[in-house]
């Protein structure tokens, strides 16, 4: 596709009520299942990139996790005493893949997060 082939994209007005989002489970604690949007708005990827460029990658990951899980889901995960590093990494990578998907520079959907261990 060349630059000349681009067709203007018309977005719906922001005031239009959002459609029901399809959700998918990410983790469970007791009987509580925590879910994220299966297809989040591409605006989240832009927010992630903005946070990453202005505040750094750890801040961007934190922001993304709260946006996707909600404050309650993030707190439940953060405060779980048996959460292992490998479990946390798997959850972050899955959420990051949903948010970033195949944006330019990340066509494979590979994780960009590098949260420090210390």
C-alpha atoms as a PDB file:
ATOM      1  CA  UNK A   1       0.000   0.000   0.000  1.00  0.00           C
ATOM      2  CA  UNK A   2       1.495   3.303  -1.022  1.00  0.00           C
ATOM      3  CA  UNK A   3       0.912   6.644   0.652  1.00  0.00           C
ATOM      4  CA  UNK A   4      -1.378   7.593  -2.231  1.00  0.00           C
ATOM      5  CA  UNK A   5      -3.675   4.600  -1.531  1.00  0.00           C
ATOM      6  CA  UNK A   6      -4.635   5.782   1.948  1.00  0.00           C
ATOM      7  CA  UNK A   7      -8.332   6.465   2.515  1.00  0.00           C
ATOM      8  CA  UNK A   8      -9.440   8.775   5.303  1.00  0.00           C
ATOM      9  CA  UNK A   9     -10.769   6.893   8.327  1.00  0.00           C
ATOM     10  CA  UNK A  10     -14.023   8.146   9.833  1.00  0.00           C
ATOM     11  CA  UNK A  11     -14.358   7.423  13.555  1.00  0.00           C
ATOM     12  CA  UNK A  12     -17.689   7.511  15.386  1.00  0.00           C
ATOM     13  CA  UNK A  13     -18.310  10.497  17.660  1.00  0.00           C
ATOM     14  CA  UNK A  14     -16.811  10.005  21.160  1.00  0.00           C
ATOM     15  CA  UNK A  15     -20.205  10.736  22.697  1.00  0.00           C
ATOM     16  CA  UNK A  16     -21.680   7.550  21.205  1.00  0.00           C
ATOM     17  CA  UNK A  17     -22.189   4.970  23.976  1.00  0.00           C
ATOM     18  CA  UNK A  18     -19.526   2.263  23.859  1.00  0.00           C
ATOM     19  CA  UNK A  19     -20.551  -1.117  22.558  1.00  0.00           C
ATOM     20  CA  UNK A  20     -20.427  -4.086  24.882  1.00  0.00           C
ATOM     21  CA  UNK A  21     -16.826  -5.275  25.073  1.00  0.00           C
ATOM     22  CA  UNK A  22     -16.075  -8.963  24.826  1.00  0.00           C
ATOM     23  CA  UNK A  23     -14.094  -9.896  27.918  1.00  0.00           C
ATOM     24  CA  UNK A  24     -11.687 -12.750  28.555  1.00  0.00           C
ATOM     25  CA  UNK A  25     -10.496 -14.231  31.855  1.00  0.00           C
ATOM     26  CA  UNK A  26      -6.886 -13.584  32.843  1.00  0.00           C
ATOM     27  CA  UNK A  27      -6.586 -14.889  36.404  1.00  0.00           C
ATOM     28  CA  UNK A  28      -8.716 -16.208  39.234  1.00  0.00           C
ATOM     29  CA  UNK A  29      -8.508 -15.813  43.011  1.00  0.00           C
ATOM     30  CA  UNK A  30     -10.946 -18.033  44.891  1.00  0.00           C
ATOM     31  CA  UNK A  31     -14.272 -17.587  43.078  1.00  0.00           C
ATOM     32  CA  UNK A  32     -13.373 -14.181  41.608  1.00  0.00           C
ATOM     33  CA  UNK A  33     -12.408 -14.230  37.936  1.00  0.00           C
ATOM     34  CA  UNK A  34     -10.590 -11.134  36.684  1.00  0.00           C
ATOM     35  CA  UNK A  35     -11.156 -10.260  33.054  1.00  0.00           C
ATOM     36  CA  UNK A  36      -9.800  -7.869  30.465  1.00  0.00           C
ATOM     37  CA  UNK A  37     -11.224  -6.633  27.160  1.00  0.00           C
ATOM     38  CA  UNK A  38     -10.416  -9.104  24.384  1.00  0.00           C
ATOM     39  CA  UNK A  39     -10.024  -6.253  21.876  1.00  0.00           C
ATOM     40  CA  UNK A  40      -9.141  -3.065  23.764  1.00  0.00           C
ATOM     41  CA  UNK A  41      -9.249   0.301  22.048  1.00  0.00           C
ATOM     42  CA  UNK A  42      -6.130   1.097  20.033  1.00  0.00           C
ATOM     43  CA  UNK A  43      -6.071   4.311  22.060  1.00  0.00           C
ATOM     44  CA  UNK A  44      -4.661   2.246  24.937  1.00  0.00           C
ATOM     45  CA  UNK A  45      -1.611   1.439  22.815  1.00  0.00           C
ATOM     46  CA  UNK A  46      -1.132   5.147  22.198  1.00  0.00           C
ATOM     47  CA  UNK A  47      -1.486   5.864  25.926  1.00  0.00           C
ATOM     48  CA  UNK A  48       1.042   3.128  26.687  1.00  0.00           C
ATOM     49  CA  UNK A  49       3.536   4.565  24.204  1.00  0.00           C
ATOM     50  CA  UNK A  50       3.024   8.068  25.604  1.00  0.00           C
ATOM     51  CA  UNK A  51       3.602   6.882  29.190  1.00  0.00           C
ATOM     52  CA  UNK A  52       6.648   4.936  28.086  1.00  0.00           C
ATOM     53  CA  UNK A  53       8.201   7.954  26.365  1.00  0.00           C
ATOM     54  CA  UNK A  54       7.431  10.451  29.143  1.00  0.00           C
ATOM     55  CA  UNK A  55       7.647   8.370  32.328  1.00  0.00           C
ATOM     56  CA  UNK A  56       9.513   5.206  31.371  1.00  0.00           C
ATOM     57  CA  UNK A  57       8.634   1.572  30.716  1.00  0.00           C
ATOM     58  CA  UNK A  58       7.758   0.562  34.293  1.00  0.00           C
ATOM     59  CA  UNK A  59       5.266   3.418  34.580  1.00  0.00           C
ATOM     60  CA  UNK A  60       3.769   2.448  31.215  1.00  0.00           C
ATOM     61  CA  UNK A  61       3.323  -1.164  32.326  1.00  0.00           C
ATOM     62  CA  UNK A  62       1.678  -0.060  35.585  1.00  0.00           C
ATOM     63  CA  UNK A  63      -0.688   2.283  33.722  1.00  0.00           C
ATOM     64  CA  UNK A  64      -1.575  -0.435  31.203  1.00  0.00           C
ATOM     65  CA  UNK A  65      -2.285  -2.989  33.928  1.00  0.00           C
ATOM     66  CA  UNK A  66      -4.620  -0.639  35.807  1.00  0.00           C
ATOM     67  CA  UNK A  67      -6.380   0.377  32.580  1.00  0.00           C
ATOM     68  CA  UNK A  68      -6.982  -3.232  31.583  1.00  0.00           C
ATOM     69  CA  UNK A  69      -7.671  -4.887  34.955  1.00  0.00           C
ATOM     70  CA  UNK A  70      -9.246  -1.946  36.733  1.00  0.00           C
ATOM     71  CA  UNK A  71      -8.015  -0.782  40.122  1.00  0.00           C
ATOM     72  CA  UNK A  72      -9.681  -3.708  41.948  1.00  0.00           C
ATOM     73  CA  UNK A  73      -8.135  -6.324  39.659  1.00  0.00           C
ATOM     74  CA  UNK A  74      -4.713  -4.712  39.841  1.00  0.00           C
ATOM     75  CA  UNK A  75      -4.857  -4.511  43.651  1.00  0.00           C
ATOM     76  CA  UNK A  76      -6.031  -8.133  43.929  1.00  0.00           C
ATOM     77  CA  UNK A  77      -3.076  -9.264  41.847  1.00  0.00           C
ATOM     78  CA  UNK A  78      -0.561  -6.973  43.568  1.00  0.00           C
ATOM     79  CA  UNK A  79      -1.633  -7.979  47.064  1.00  0.00           C
ATOM     80  CA  UNK A  80      -1.859 -11.732  46.506  1.00  0.00           C
ATOM     81  CA  UNK A  81       0.754 -13.276  48.825  1.00  0.00           C
ATOM     82  CA  UNK A  82       1.404 -16.345  46.635  1.00  0.00           C
ATOM     83  CA  UNK A  83       1.862 -14.518  43.303  1.00  0.00           C
ATOM     84  CA  UNK A  84       5.030 -15.820  41.670  1.00  0.00           C
ATOM     85  CA  UNK A  85       7.252 -13.804  39.362  1.00  0.00           C
ATOM     86  CA  UNK A  86       6.607 -16.203  36.455  1.00  0.00           C
ATOM     87  CA  UNK A  87       2.839 -15.849  36.921  1.00  0.00           C
ATOM     88  CA  UNK A  88       3.084 -12.064  37.040  1.00  0.00           C
ATOM     89  CA  UNK A  89       5.244 -12.011  33.913  1.00  0.00           C
ATOM     90  CA  UNK A  90       2.801 -14.277  32.042  1.00  0.00           C
ATOM     91  CA  UNK A  91      -0.142 -12.015  32.972  1.00  0.00           C
ATOM     92  CA  UNK A  92       1.737  -8.838  32.003  1.00  0.00           C
ATOM     93  CA  UNK A  93       2.840 -10.343  28.691  1.00  0.00           C
ATOM     94  CA  UNK A  94      -0.700 -11.449  27.850  1.00  0.00           C
ATOM     95  CA  UNK A  95      -2.175  -8.044  28.670  1.00  0.00           C
ATOM     96  CA  UNK A  96       0.598  -6.259  26.805  1.00  0.00           C
ATOM     97  CA  UNK A  97      -0.040  -8.418  23.753  1.00  0.00           C
ATOM     98  CA  UNK A  98      -3.716  -7.445  23.853  1.00  0.00           C
ATOM     99  CA  UNK A  99      -2.897  -3.728  24.192  1.00  0.00           C
ATOM    100  CA  UNK A 100      -0.008  -3.516  21.727  1.00  0.00           C
ATOM    101  CA  UNK A 101      -0.976  -6.353  19.413  1.00  0.00           C
ATOM    102  CA  UNK A 102       0.836  -5.884  16.155  1.00  0.00           C
ATOM    103  CA  UNK A 103       1.606  -2.169  16.312  1.00  0.00           C
ATOM    104  CA  UNK A 104       4.516  -1.079  14.161  1.00  0.00           C
ATOM    105  CA  UNK A 105       7.780  -2.120  15.700  1.00  0.00           C
ATOM    106  CA  UNK A 106       6.067  -5.027  17.463  1.00  0.00           C
ATOM    107  CA  UNK A 107       4.624  -7.139  14.616  1.00  0.00           C
ATOM    108  CA  UNK A 108       4.970 -10.405  16.485  1.00  0.00           C
ATOM    109  CA  UNK A 109       3.167  -9.122  19.553  1.00  0.00           C
ATOM    110  CA  UNK A 110       6.243  -9.947  21.646  1.00  0.00           C
ATOM    111  CA  UNK A 111       6.333  -8.412  25.072  1.00  0.00           C
ATOM    112  CA  UNK A 112       8.196  -5.154  25.586  1.00  0.00           C
ATOM    113  CA  UNK A 113       7.977  -5.127  29.369  1.00  0.00           C
ATOM    114  CA  UNK A 114      11.127  -5.322  31.382  1.00  0.00           C
ATOM    115  CA  UNK A 115      10.068  -4.819  34.977  1.00  0.00           C
ATOM    116  CA  UNK A 116      13.117  -4.814  37.217  1.00  0.00           C
ATOM    117  CA  UNK A 117      13.345  -7.683  39.708  1.00  0.00           C
ATOM    118  CA  UNK A 118      14.573  -5.514  42.575  1.00  0.00           C
END
